[in-house]
């Protein structure tokens, strides 16, 4: 009797794992199809990093100019 009970419990656990895996996959697909990439960040209101070196500041300015030109 112990073997059959163990087999039954094992089968139930496998079914629960498969069900959880399927639900997780469905949630993942739903998030992917929703196209929501997270919260929108308002970079204009973000604090300014004042610890940049002169070279880093120049590089940042160049990057901003390039991104504005595109």
PDB file of N, CA and C in Angstrom:
ATOM      1  N   UNK A   1       0.813  -1.189   0.000  1.00  0.00           N
ATOM      2  CA  UNK A   1       0.000   0.000   0.000  1.00  0.00           C
ATOM      3  C   UNK A   1       0.862   1.260   0.000  1.00  0.00           C
ATOM      4  N   UNK A   2       1.994   1.210   0.647  1.00  0.00           N
ATOM      5  CA  UNK A   2       2.859   2.387   0.714  1.00  0.00           C
ATOM      6  C   UNK A   2       3.355   2.772  -0.670  1.00  0.00           C
ATOM      7  N   UNK A   3       3.640   1.785  -1.492  1.00  0.00           N
ATOM      8  CA  UNK A   3       4.122   2.091  -2.844  1.00  0.00           C
ATOM      9  C   UNK A   3       3.068   2.842  -3.642  1.00  0.00           C
ATOM     10  N   UNK A   4       1.850   2.381  -3.569  1.00  0.00           N
ATOM     11  CA  UNK A   4       0.806   3.035  -4.361  1.00  0.00           C
ATOM     12  C   UNK A   4       0.530   4.453  -3.853  1.00  0.00           C
ATOM     13  N   UNK A   5       0.595   4.645  -2.534  1.00  0.00           N
ATOM     14  CA  UNK A   5       0.378   5.986  -1.994  1.00  0.00           C
ATOM     15  C   UNK A   5       1.519   6.911  -2.411  1.00  0.00           C
ATOM     16  N   UNK A   6       2.750   6.421  -2.357  1.00  0.00           N
ATOM     17  CA  UNK A   6       3.896   7.219  -2.793  1.00  0.00           C
ATOM     18  C   UNK A   6       3.802   7.546  -4.279  1.00  0.00           C
ATOM     19  N   UNK A   7       3.379   6.563  -5.059  1.00  0.00           N
ATOM     20  CA  UNK A   7       3.228   6.790  -6.492  1.00  0.00           C
ATOM     21  C   UNK A   7       2.149   7.839  -6.748  1.00  0.00           C
ATOM     22  N   UNK A   8       1.058   7.759  -5.990  1.00  0.00           N
ATOM     23  CA  UNK A   8      -0.030   8.725  -6.139  1.00  0.00           C
ATOM     24  C   UNK A   8       0.442  10.134  -5.791  1.00  0.00           C
ATOM     25  N   UNK A   9       1.152  10.266  -4.672  1.00  0.00           N
ATOM     26  CA  UNK A   9       1.659  11.575  -4.242  1.00  0.00           C
ATOM     27  C   UNK A   9       2.645  12.119  -5.265  1.00  0.00           C
ATOM     28  N   UNK A  10       3.515  11.243  -5.747  1.00  0.00           N
ATOM     29  CA  UNK A  10       4.497  11.661  -6.751  1.00  0.00           C
ATOM     30  C   UNK A  10       3.795  12.161  -8.008  1.00  0.00           C
ATOM     31  N   UNK A  11       2.772  11.437  -8.439  1.00  0.00           N
ATOM     32  CA  UNK A  11       2.029  11.828  -9.635  1.00  0.00           C
ATOM     33  C   UNK A  11       1.325  13.168  -9.424  1.00  0.00           C
ATOM     34  N   UNK A  12       0.767  13.368  -8.228  1.00  0.00           N
ATOM     35  CA  UNK A  12       0.102  14.635  -7.927  1.00  0.00           C
ATOM     36  C   UNK A  12       1.092  15.793  -7.970  1.00  0.00           C
ATOM     37  N   UNK A  13       2.270  15.586  -7.377  1.00  0.00           N
ATOM     38  CA  UNK A  13       3.290  16.634  -7.379  1.00  0.00           C
ATOM     39  C   UNK A  13       3.720  16.971  -8.801  1.00  0.00           C
ATOM     40  N   UNK A  14       3.875  15.943  -9.632  1.00  0.00           N
ATOM     41  CA  UNK A  14       4.252  16.173 -11.030  1.00  0.00           C
ATOM     42  C   UNK A  14       3.173  16.972 -11.754  1.00  0.00           C
ATOM     43  N   UNK A  15       1.917  16.639 -11.493  1.00  0.00           N
ATOM     44  CA  UNK A  15       0.816  17.371 -12.119  1.00  0.00           C
ATOM     45  C   UNK A  15       0.791  18.824 -11.658  1.00  0.00           C
ATOM     46  N   UNK A  16       1.016  19.039 -10.354  1.00  0.00           N
ATOM     47  CA  UNK A  16       1.042  20.405  -9.826  1.00  0.00           C
ATOM     48  C   UNK A  16       2.190  21.199 -10.431  1.00  0.00           C
ATOM     49  N   UNK A  17       3.362  20.559 -10.558  1.00  0.00           N
ATOM     50  CA  UNK A  17       4.512  21.229 -11.173  1.00  0.00           C
ATOM     51  C   UNK A  17       4.217  21.604 -12.618  1.00  0.00           C
ATOM     52  N   UNK A  18       3.619  20.668 -13.347  1.00  0.00           N
ATOM     53  CA  UNK A  18       3.288  20.929 -14.747  1.00  0.00           C
ATOM     54  C   UNK A  18       2.270  22.070 -14.855  1.00  0.00           C
ATOM     55  N   UNK A  19       1.291  22.079 -13.954  1.00  0.00           N
ATOM     56  CA  UNK A  19       0.272  23.135 -13.953  1.00  0.00           C
ATOM     57  C   UNK A  19       0.910  24.490 -13.658  1.00  0.00           C
ATOM     58  N   UNK A  20       1.792  24.530 -12.638  1.00  0.00           N
ATOM     59  CA  UNK A  20       2.482  25.775 -12.292  1.00  0.00           C
ATOM     60  C   UNK A  20       3.329  26.261 -13.453  1.00  0.00           C
ATOM     61  N   UNK A  21       4.041  25.337 -14.090  1.00  0.00           N
ATOM     62  CA  UNK A  21       4.905  25.694 -15.213  1.00  0.00           C
ATOM     63  C   UNK A  21       4.079  26.264 -16.359  1.00  0.00           C
ATOM     64  N   UNK A  22       2.936  25.643 -16.629  1.00  0.00           N
ATOM     65  CA  UNK A  22       2.063  26.114 -17.705  1.00  0.00           C
ATOM     66  C   UNK A  22       1.527  27.511 -17.389  1.00  0.00           C
ATOM     67  N   UNK A  23       1.090  27.729 -16.135  1.00  0.00           N
ATOM     68  CA  UNK A  23       0.577  29.045 -15.739  1.00  0.00           C
ATOM     69  C   UNK A  23       1.663  30.110 -15.836  1.00  0.00           C
ATOM     70  N   UNK A  24       2.860  29.744 -15.417  1.00  0.00           N
ATOM     71  CA  UNK A  24       3.978  30.686 -15.478  1.00  0.00           C
ATOM     72  C   UNK A  24       4.277  31.062 -16.930  1.00  0.00           C
ATOM     73  N   UNK A  25       4.253  30.074 -17.817  1.00  0.00           N
ATOM     74  CA  UNK A  25       4.505  30.327 -19.235  1.00  0.00           C
ATOM     75  C   UNK A  25       3.415  31.222 -19.824  1.00  0.00           C
ATOM     76  N   UNK A  26       2.163  30.979 -19.433  1.00  0.00           N
ATOM     77  CA  UNK A  26       1.052  31.805 -19.920  1.00  0.00           C
ATOM     78  C   UNK A  26       1.190  33.251 -19.448  1.00  0.00           C
ATOM     79  N   UNK A  27       1.578  33.435 -18.184  1.00  0.00           N
ATOM     80  CA  UNK A  27       1.785  34.789 -17.658  1.00  0.00           C
ATOM     81  C   UNK A  27       2.910  35.482 -18.409  1.00  0.00           C
ATOM     82  N   UNK A  28       3.968  34.734 -18.677  1.00  0.00           N
ATOM     83  CA  UNK A  28       5.114  35.290 -19.402  1.00  0.00           C
ATOM     84  C   UNK A  28       4.694  35.739 -20.794  1.00  0.00           C
ATOM     85  N   UNK A  29       3.927  34.913 -21.478  1.00  0.00           N
ATOM     86  CA  UNK A  29       3.442  35.253 -22.817  1.00  0.00           C
ATOM     87  C   UNK A  29       2.508  36.466 -22.765  1.00  0.00           C
ATOM     88  N   UNK A  30       1.674  36.536 -21.729  1.00  0.00           N
ATOM     89  CA  UNK A  30       0.752  37.668 -21.598  1.00  0.00           C
ATOM     90  C   UNK A  30       1.528  38.967 -21.401  1.00  0.00           C
ATOM     91  N   UNK A  31       2.566  38.919 -20.568  1.00  0.00           N
ATOM     92  CA  UNK A  31       3.384  40.118 -20.350  1.00  0.00           C
ATOM     93  C   UNK A  31       4.098  40.514 -21.634  1.00  0.00           C
ATOM     94  N   UNK A  32       4.582  39.511 -22.360  1.00  0.00           N
ATOM     95  CA  UNK A  32       5.310  39.781 -23.602  1.00  0.00           C
ATOM     96  C   UNK A  32       4.387  40.411 -24.639  1.00  0.00           C
ATOM     97  N   UNK A  33       3.169  39.899 -24.749  1.00  0.00           N
ATOM     98  CA  UNK A  33       2.238  40.421 -25.752  1.00  0.00           C
ATOM     99  C   UNK A  33       1.671  41.779 -25.344  1.00  0.00           C
ATOM    100  N   UNK A  34       1.665  42.078 -24.043  1.00  0.00           N
ATOM    101  CA  UNK A  34       1.142  43.365 -23.577  1.00  0.00           C
ATOM    102  C   UNK A  34       2.032  44.505 -24.048  1.00  0.00           C
ATOM    103  N   UNK A  35       3.316  44.245 -24.185  1.00  0.00           N
ATOM    104  CA  UNK A  35       4.227  45.259 -24.687  1.00  0.00           C
ATOM    105  C   UNK A  35       4.552  46.343 -23.682  1.00  0.00           C
ATOM    106  N   UNK A  36       4.148  46.175 -22.458  1.00  0.00           N
ATOM    107  CA  UNK A  36       4.439  47.167 -21.425  1.00  0.00           C
ATOM    108  C   UNK A  36       5.855  46.920 -20.917  1.00  0.00           C
ATOM    109  N   UNK A  37       6.731  47.890 -21.129  1.00  0.00           N
ATOM    110  CA  UNK A  37       8.129  47.711 -20.763  1.00  0.00           C
ATOM    111  C   UNK A  37       8.452  48.286 -19.391  1.00  0.00           C
ATOM    112  N   UNK A  38       7.489  48.453 -18.555  1.00  0.00           N
ATOM    113  CA  UNK A  38       7.730  48.962 -17.215  1.00  0.00           C
ATOM    114  C   UNK A  38       7.304  50.408 -17.077  1.00  0.00           C
ATOM    115  N   UNK A  39       7.642  50.958 -15.943  1.00  0.00           N
ATOM    116  CA  UNK A  39       7.251  52.333 -15.642  1.00  0.00           C
ATOM    117  C   UNK A  39       8.013  53.313 -16.520  1.00  0.00           C
ATOM    118  N   UNK A  40       7.334  54.363 -16.905  1.00  0.00           N
ATOM    119  CA  UNK A  40       7.954  55.428 -17.698  1.00  0.00           C
ATOM    120  C   UNK A  40       8.795  56.291 -16.771  1.00  0.00           C
ATOM    121  N   UNK A  41      10.039  56.544 -17.137  1.00  0.00           N
ATOM    122  CA  UNK A  41      10.942  57.336 -16.307  1.00  0.00           C
ATOM    123  C   UNK A  41      10.992  58.757 -16.833  1.00  0.00           C
ATOM    124  N   UNK A  42      10.777  59.700 -15.945  1.00  0.00           N
ATOM    125  CA  UNK A  42      10.863  61.112 -16.296  1.00  0.00           C
ATOM    126  C   UNK A  42      12.284  61.577 -16.004  1.00  0.00           C
ATOM    127  N   UNK A  43      13.141  61.510 -17.012  1.00  0.00           N
ATOM    128  CA  UNK A  43      14.556  61.819 -16.829  1.00  0.00           C
ATOM    129  C   UNK A  43      14.793  63.298 -16.540  1.00  0.00           C
ATOM    130  N   UNK A  44      13.875  64.158 -16.951  1.00  0.00           N
ATOM    131  CA  UNK A  44      14.044  65.592 -16.697  1.00  0.00           C
ATOM    132  C   UNK A  44      13.943  65.926 -15.210  1.00  0.00           C
ATOM    133  N   UNK A  45      13.172  65.144 -14.474  1.00  0.00           N
ATOM    134  CA  UNK A  45      13.030  65.414 -13.043  1.00  0.00           C
ATOM    135  C   UNK A  45      14.009  64.600 -12.198  1.00  0.00           C
ATOM    136  N   UNK A  46      14.835  63.779 -12.835  1.00  0.00           N
ATOM    137  CA  UNK A  46      15.817  62.966 -12.109  1.00  0.00           C
ATOM    138  C   UNK A  46      16.957  63.847 -11.601  1.00  0.00           C
ATOM    139  N   UNK A  47      17.559  63.470 -10.477  1.00  0.00           N
ATOM    140  CA  UNK A  47      18.674  64.276  -9.962  1.00  0.00           C
ATOM    141  C   UNK A  47      19.878  64.227 -10.903  1.00  0.00           C
ATOM    142  N   UNK A  48      20.655  65.292 -10.895  1.00  0.00           N
ATOM    143  CA  UNK A  48      21.818  65.403 -11.771  1.00  0.00           C
ATOM    144  C   UNK A  48      23.032  64.827 -11.058  1.00  0.00           C
ATOM    145  N   UNK A  49      23.824  64.041 -11.779  1.00  0.00           N
ATOM    146  CA  UNK A  49      25.045  63.471 -11.225  1.00  0.00           C
ATOM    147  C   UNK A  49      26.147  64.517 -11.297  1.00  0.00           C
ATOM    148  N   UNK A  50      26.573  64.998 -10.144  1.00  0.00           N
ATOM    149  CA  UNK A  50      27.597  66.039 -10.104  1.00  0.00           C
ATOM    150  C   UNK A  50      28.980  65.482  -9.795  1.00  0.00           C
ATOM    151  N   UNK A  51      29.145  64.177  -9.914  1.00  0.00           N
ATOM    152  CA  UNK A  51      30.429  63.552  -9.604  1.00  0.00           C
ATOM    153  C   UNK A  51      31.202  63.175 -10.861  1.00  0.00           C
ATOM    154  N   UNK A  52      30.747  63.625 -12.018  1.00  0.00           N
ATOM    155  CA  UNK A  52      31.417  63.274 -13.265  1.00  0.00           C
ATOM    156  C   UNK A  52      32.700  64.082 -13.434  1.00  0.00           C
ATOM    157  N   UNK A  53      33.698  63.425 -14.019  1.00  0.00           N
ATOM    158  CA  UNK A  53      34.928  64.146 -14.350  1.00  0.00           C
ATOM    159  C   UNK A  53      34.672  64.982 -15.603  1.00  0.00           C
ATOM    160  N   UNK A  54      35.610  65.834 -15.955  1.00  0.00           N
ATOM    161  CA  UNK A  54      35.457  66.693 -17.140  1.00  0.00           C
ATOM    162  C   UNK A  54      35.311  65.847 -18.402  1.00  0.00           C
ATOM    163  N   UNK A  55      36.131  64.792 -18.512  1.00  0.00           N
ATOM    164  CA  UNK A  55      36.037  63.914 -19.686  1.00  0.00           C
ATOM    165  C   UNK A  55      34.668  63.246 -19.762  1.00  0.00           C
ATOM    166  N   UNK A  56      34.178  62.781 -18.620  1.00  0.00           N
ATOM    167  CA  UNK A  56      32.875  62.131 -18.593  1.00  0.00           C
ATOM    168  C   UNK A  56      31.761  63.120 -18.943  1.00  0.00           C
ATOM    169  N   UNK A  57      31.889  64.359 -18.486  1.00  0.00           N
ATOM    170  CA  UNK A  57      30.893  65.385 -18.821  1.00  0.00           C
ATOM    171  C   UNK A  57      30.879  65.650 -20.318  1.00  0.00           C
ATOM    172  N   UNK A  58      32.070  65.756 -20.909  1.00  0.00           N
ATOM    173  CA  UNK A  58      32.158  65.980 -22.359  1.00  0.00           C
ATOM    174  C   UNK A  58      31.524  64.818 -23.122  1.00  0.00           C
ATOM    175  N   UNK A  59      31.833  63.606 -22.686  1.00  0.00           N
ATOM    176  CA  UNK A  59      31.275  62.420 -23.340  1.00  0.00           C
ATOM    177  C   UNK A  59      29.748  62.413 -23.212  1.00  0.00           C
ATOM    178  N   UNK A  60      29.254  62.785 -22.041  1.00  0.00           N
ATOM    179  CA  UNK A  60      27.808  62.835 -21.826  1.00  0.00           C
ATOM    180  C   UNK A  60      27.157  63.856 -22.750  1.00  0.00           C
ATOM    181  N   UNK A  61      27.770  65.018 -22.871  1.00  0.00           N
ATOM    182  CA  UNK A  61      27.236  66.057 -23.753  1.00  0.00           C
ATOM    183  C   UNK A  61      27.222  65.586 -25.204  1.00  0.00           C
ATOM    184  N   UNK A  62      28.293  64.915 -25.631  1.00  0.00           N
ATOM    185  CA  UNK A  62      28.347  64.394 -27.000  1.00  0.00           C
ATOM    186  C   UNK A  62      27.239  63.369 -27.221  1.00  0.00           C
ATOM    187  N   UNK A  63      27.046  62.496 -26.249  1.00  0.00           N
ATOM    188  CA  UNK A  63      25.994  61.482 -26.363  1.00  0.00           C
ATOM    189  C   UNK A  63      24.617  62.129 -26.453  1.00  0.00           C
ATOM    190  N   UNK A  64      24.394  63.172 -25.653  1.00  0.00           N
ATOM    191  CA  UNK A  64      23.106  63.867 -25.691  1.00  0.00           C
ATOM    192  C   UNK A  64      22.888  64.546 -27.035  1.00  0.00           C
ATOM    193  N   UNK A  65      23.945  65.154 -27.587  1.00  0.00           N
ATOM    194  CA  UNK A  65      23.827  65.801 -28.893  1.00  0.00           C
ATOM    195  C   UNK A  65      23.493  64.774 -29.967  1.00  0.00           C
ATOM    196  N   UNK A  66      24.171  63.633 -29.917  1.00  0.00           N
ATOM    197  CA  UNK A  66      23.922  62.585 -30.907  1.00  0.00           C
ATOM    198  C   UNK A  66      22.495  62.058 -30.793  1.00  0.00           C
ATOM    199  N   UNK A  67      22.025  61.872 -29.567  1.00  0.00           N
ATOM    200  CA  UNK A  67      20.668  61.346 -29.395  1.00  0.00           C
ATOM    201  C   UNK A  67      19.621  62.375 -29.813  1.00  0.00           C
ATOM    202  N   UNK A  68      19.928  63.660 -29.654  1.00  0.00           N
ATOM    203  CA  UNK A  68      18.988  64.703 -30.074  1.00  0.00           C
ATOM    204  C   UNK A  68      18.948  64.841 -31.590  1.00  0.00           C
ATOM    205  N   UNK A  69      20.058  64.561 -32.258  1.00  0.00           N
ATOM    206  CA  UNK A  69      20.122  64.666 -33.715  1.00  0.00           C
ATOM    207  C   UNK A  69      19.387  63.525 -34.405  1.00  0.00           C
ATOM    208  N   UNK A  70      19.206  62.427 -33.740  1.00  0.00           N
ATOM    209  CA  UNK A  70      18.574  61.258 -34.368  1.00  0.00           C
ATOM    210  C   UNK A  70      17.118  61.356 -34.338  1.00  0.00           C
TER     211      UNK A  70
END
